[in-house]
Amino acid sequence: MRCSREFLRPFPMLSLCLVFVMVGYADEKQSADDKRGNIVGGNTYNNPILGMTIRLPGTWQFIENPVPDQPQDPSCRGPLCGMPEVNVALESRSGASPLHGIFLAAYRLSPEYLNRQRYPLKKFAEAMLPGSMQGTGWAPQGDLNAIQLDGKPAYRLFARNLTIESKKGFGYVCESNNYIFMLIGSAFSSPNDLQSAIENMKFGGPHH
């Protein structure tokens, strides 16, 4: 296996460190809607670009502008530079208080980076999960675990909040429709319900 230094350090920290900060809190219209996805019946999130469907606990809504546009680092090289093409955050609430949050960021990969022998999924996961926590108030809990999401190889990492002990976090990196995506969930209560919902996501639809 040969991975260049450019791949090992391409992560856009300025924008993606905000992922853990924001959790819990354009092209033509059709394309923009596909990238954002939609919430059906208050609790089922669909993303046509990724072919993803997640049936979530409770009632959910979008968080507008979850990661503001940031200037691109000119020294960044690799597949994960700049703002993610898919940049979505959702939350469920009980009154004024958030219960669960999800952030989804996805980058479309050029053909070069679809070669999993040269660029293993684990290398993406190492950059996208532990790498995005620096300076956010979250810290990794344990190691990356290889799992499957609806039959697709994926990696999972649990996280702990350094200031709110009851707040639990878990992140996933997976690939779908030539996109590499990171999905992070956080929960103030019933973390097992949210974790189970995420890990039972389904892939399908016209882009699958």
Protein backbone atom coordinates (compact mmCIF):
# COMPACT_ATOMS: atom_id res chain seq x y z
CA MET A 1 0.00 0.00 0.00
CA ARG A 2 1.27 3.47 -0.89
CA CYS A 3 -0.36 6.59 0.50
CA SER A 4 1.12 9.99 -0.22
CA ARG A 5 1.60 12.61 2.49
CA GLU A 6 -0.83 14.75 0.52
CA PHE A 7 -3.55 12.21 1.23
CA LEU A 8 -2.65 11.79 4.88
CA ARG A 9 -3.03 15.50 5.67
CA PRO A 10 -5.67 16.90 3.30
CA PHE A 11 -8.42 17.38 5.81
CA PRO A 12 -9.95 20.87 5.78
CA MET A 13 -9.72 21.47 9.50
CA LEU A 14 -11.11 25.01 9.35
CA SER A 15 -14.47 23.82 8.09
CA LEU A 16 -14.70 20.26 9.38
CA CYS A 17 -13.63 20.94 12.95
CA LEU A 18 -16.95 22.79 13.05
CA VAL A 19 -18.72 19.47 12.57
CA PHE A 20 -18.42 18.51 16.23
CA VAL A 21 -19.03 22.07 17.34
CA MET A 22 -22.34 22.23 15.47
CA VAL A 23 -23.71 18.74 16.16
CA GLY A 24 -26.68 19.06 18.53
CA TYR A 25 -27.52 22.45 17.91
CA ALA A 26 -25.57 26.29 -5.30
CA ASP A 27 -26.20 24.50 -8.13
CA GLU A 28 -29.61 24.40 -9.75
CA LYS A 29 -32.44 23.83 -7.30
CA GLN A 30 -32.98 20.12 -7.97
CA SER A 31 -29.32 19.33 -7.43
CA ALA A 32 -29.19 21.41 -4.25
CA ASP A 33 -32.30 19.64 -2.94
CA ASP A 34 -30.77 16.25 -3.73
CA LYS A 35 -27.61 17.17 -1.82
CA ARG A 36 -29.54 18.40 1.18
CA GLY A 37 -32.08 15.59 1.11
CA ASN A 38 -35.46 15.75 2.77
CA ILE A 39 -37.28 14.68 5.92
CA VAL A 40 -40.40 12.59 5.34
CA GLY A 41 -43.05 12.22 8.02
CA GLY A 42 -40.92 14.14 10.50
CA ASN A 43 -38.55 11.26 11.18
CA THR A 44 -37.22 9.68 7.95
CA TYR A 45 -34.22 11.36 6.38
CA ASN A 46 -33.55 10.66 2.68
CA ASN A 47 -30.52 11.82 0.73
CA PRO A 48 -30.84 11.03 -3.02
CA ILE A 49 -27.20 11.85 -3.84
CA LEU A 50 -25.96 9.24 -1.38
CA GLY A 51 -28.93 6.90 -1.84
CA MET A 52 -29.34 7.00 1.95
CA THR A 53 -32.44 6.57 4.10
CA ILE A 54 -32.40 6.77 7.92
CA ARG A 55 -35.49 6.25 10.05
CA LEU A 56 -34.83 8.39 13.13
CA PRO A 57 -36.33 8.48 16.63
CA GLY A 58 -38.53 11.49 17.38
CA THR A 59 -39.34 14.45 15.13
CA TRP A 60 -36.54 16.16 13.21
CA GLN A 61 -35.81 19.44 11.47
CA PHE A 62 -32.95 20.90 9.44
CA ILE A 63 -30.42 23.27 10.98
CA GLU A 64 -29.78 26.01 8.44
CA ASN A 65 -26.19 26.75 7.34
CA PRO A 66 -24.59 24.16 9.63
CA VAL A 67 -21.02 24.92 8.51
CA PRO A 68 -20.50 28.44 7.12
CA ASP A 69 -18.37 28.80 4.01
CA GLN A 70 -14.71 29.08 4.86
CA PRO A 71 -11.78 30.20 2.71
CA GLN A 72 -9.97 27.21 1.26
CA ASP A 73 -6.47 26.57 2.55
CA PRO A 74 -4.21 26.93 -0.53
CA SER A 75 -1.79 24.39 0.96
CA CYS A 76 -4.48 21.71 1.16
CA ARG A 77 -4.00 18.86 -1.32
CA GLY A 78 -6.11 15.76 -1.66
CA PRO A 79 -9.73 14.56 -1.84
CA LEU A 80 -11.08 16.34 1.25
CA CYS A 81 -10.18 19.96 0.58
CA GLY A 82 -12.65 22.81 0.60
CA MET A 83 -16.27 22.71 1.68
CA PRO A 84 -18.09 19.37 1.49
CA GLU A 85 -20.52 19.02 -1.41
CA VAL A 86 -23.10 17.62 1.00
CA ASN A 87 -23.29 19.75 4.16
CA VAL A 88 -26.35 18.90 6.24
CA ALA A 89 -27.31 19.12 9.91
CA LEU A 90 -30.51 17.96 11.57
CA GLU A 91 -31.81 17.98 15.12
CA SER A 92 -34.65 16.63 17.19
CA ARG A 93 -35.91 18.67 20.12
CA SER A 94 -37.98 18.41 23.25
CA GLY A 95 -39.38 21.88 23.80
CA ALA A 96 -36.45 24.30 23.66
CA SER A 97 -33.83 21.64 24.31
CA PRO A 98 -32.09 19.52 21.64
CA LEU A 99 -32.20 15.77 22.21
CA HIS A 100 -30.33 14.42 19.20
CA GLY A 101 -28.26 15.92 16.42
CA ILE A 102 -26.81 14.65 13.15
CA PHE A 103 -24.22 16.20 10.88
CA LEU A 104 -23.56 14.79 7.41
CA ALA A 105 -20.65 15.87 5.21
CA ALA A 106 -19.78 14.22 1.89
CA TYR A 107 -17.15 14.75 -0.79
CA ARG A 108 -17.40 13.44 -4.33
CA LEU A 109 -14.22 11.50 -5.13
CA SER A 110 -12.28 11.75 -8.37
CA PRO A 111 -11.48 8.38 -10.02
CA GLU A 112 -7.98 8.36 -8.54
CA TYR A 113 -9.34 8.24 -5.00
CA LEU A 114 -11.76 5.40 -5.71
CA ASN A 115 -8.85 2.95 -5.63
CA ARG A 116 -9.25 1.29 -2.22
CA GLN A 117 -5.96 -0.57 -2.46
CA ARG A 118 -4.05 2.68 -2.69
CA TYR A 119 -6.46 4.75 -0.60
CA PRO A 120 -8.07 2.45 1.99
CA LEU A 121 -11.32 3.49 3.60
CA LYS A 122 -9.62 3.37 6.99
CA LYS A 123 -7.27 6.21 5.95
CA PHE A 124 -10.28 8.38 5.16
CA ALA A 125 -11.83 7.45 8.50
CA GLU A 126 -8.64 8.30 10.40
CA ALA A 127 -8.55 11.74 8.80
CA MET A 128 -12.27 12.49 9.00
CA LEU A 129 -13.12 11.29 12.50
CA PRO A 130 -10.28 11.82 15.01
CA GLY A 131 -8.93 14.61 12.80
CA SER A 132 -12.12 16.66 13.03
CA MET A 133 -12.29 16.70 16.83
CA GLN A 134 -9.27 18.86 17.58
CA GLY A 135 -10.27 21.94 19.54
CA THR A 136 -14.00 21.16 19.50
CA GLY A 137 -14.66 19.97 23.07
CA TRP A 138 -14.92 16.34 21.90
CA ALA A 139 -12.35 13.57 22.26
CA PRO A 140 -12.17 10.08 20.74
CA GLN A 141 -13.32 7.27 23.01
CA GLY A 142 -11.66 4.03 22.04
CA ASP A 143 -10.43 3.07 18.59
CA LEU A 144 -11.94 3.02 15.13
CA ASN A 145 -14.14 -0.04 14.60
CA ALA A 146 -14.73 -1.67 11.23
CA ILE A 147 -18.48 -2.22 10.77
CA GLN A 148 -20.99 -2.41 7.93
CA LEU A 149 -23.82 -0.05 7.11
CA ASP A 150 -26.42 -1.92 5.07
CA GLY A 151 -23.68 -4.16 3.69
CA LYS A 152 -21.22 -1.35 2.93
CA PRO A 153 -17.82 -1.27 4.67
CA ALA A 154 -17.65 1.54 7.21
CA TYR A 155 -15.75 2.72 10.26
CA ARG A 156 -17.20 3.93 13.56
CA LEU A 157 -15.67 5.98 16.34
CA PHE A 158 -17.26 6.85 19.66
CA ALA A 159 -16.59 10.25 21.21
CA ARG A 160 -16.98 11.83 24.62
CA ASN A 161 -17.82 15.43 25.33
CA LEU A 162 -15.21 17.06 27.54
CA THR A 163 -17.65 19.43 29.27
CA ILE A 164 -21.04 17.67 29.19
CA GLU A 165 -20.61 14.13 30.46
CA SER A 166 -24.16 13.09 29.53
CA LYS A 167 -23.68 14.06 25.86
CA LYS A 168 -22.64 11.08 23.75
CA GLY A 169 -21.21 11.14 20.25
CA PHE A 170 -20.54 8.59 17.52
CA GLY A 171 -19.14 9.11 14.04
CA TYR A 172 -19.16 7.01 10.87
CA VAL A 173 -17.25 7.10 7.61
CA CYS A 174 -18.58 5.20 4.62
CA GLU A 175 -18.68 5.41 0.81
CA SER A 176 -21.73 5.58 -1.45
CA ASN A 177 -22.21 6.55 -5.10
CA ASN A 178 -18.57 7.69 -5.44
CA TYR A 179 -18.91 9.96 -2.40
CA ILE A 180 -17.01 9.54 0.84
CA PHE A 181 -19.17 10.70 3.72
CA MET A 182 -18.88 11.33 7.42
CA LEU A 183 -21.99 11.14 9.56
CA ILE A 184 -21.82 12.22 13.19
CA GLY A 185 -24.56 11.78 15.73
CA SER A 186 -24.81 13.25 19.22
CA ALA A 187 -27.35 12.57 21.92
CA PHE A 188 -28.25 14.21 25.21
CA SER A 189 -30.53 11.27 26.02
CA SER A 190 -31.24 7.76 24.71
CA PRO A 191 -28.00 7.52 22.71
CA ASN A 192 -28.68 3.87 21.91
CA ASP A 193 -31.85 4.83 20.02
CA LEU A 194 -29.98 7.23 17.75
CA GLN A 195 -27.02 4.90 17.30
CA SER A 196 -29.33 2.04 16.33
CA ALA A 197 -31.21 4.24 13.84
CA ILE A 198 -27.99 5.33 12.15
CA GLU A 199 -26.54 1.83 11.99
CA ASN A 200 -29.76 0.54 10.43
CA MET A 201 -29.66 3.08 7.57
CA LYS A 202 -30.52 1.78 4.12
CA PHE A 203 -28.96 2.49 0.74
CA GLY A 204 -30.86 2.34 -2.53
CA GLY A 205 -32.74 4.44 -5.04
CA PRO A 206 -31.74 5.70 -8.49
CA HIS A 207 -28.17 6.70 -7.53
CA HIS A 208 -27.31 3.37 -5.86
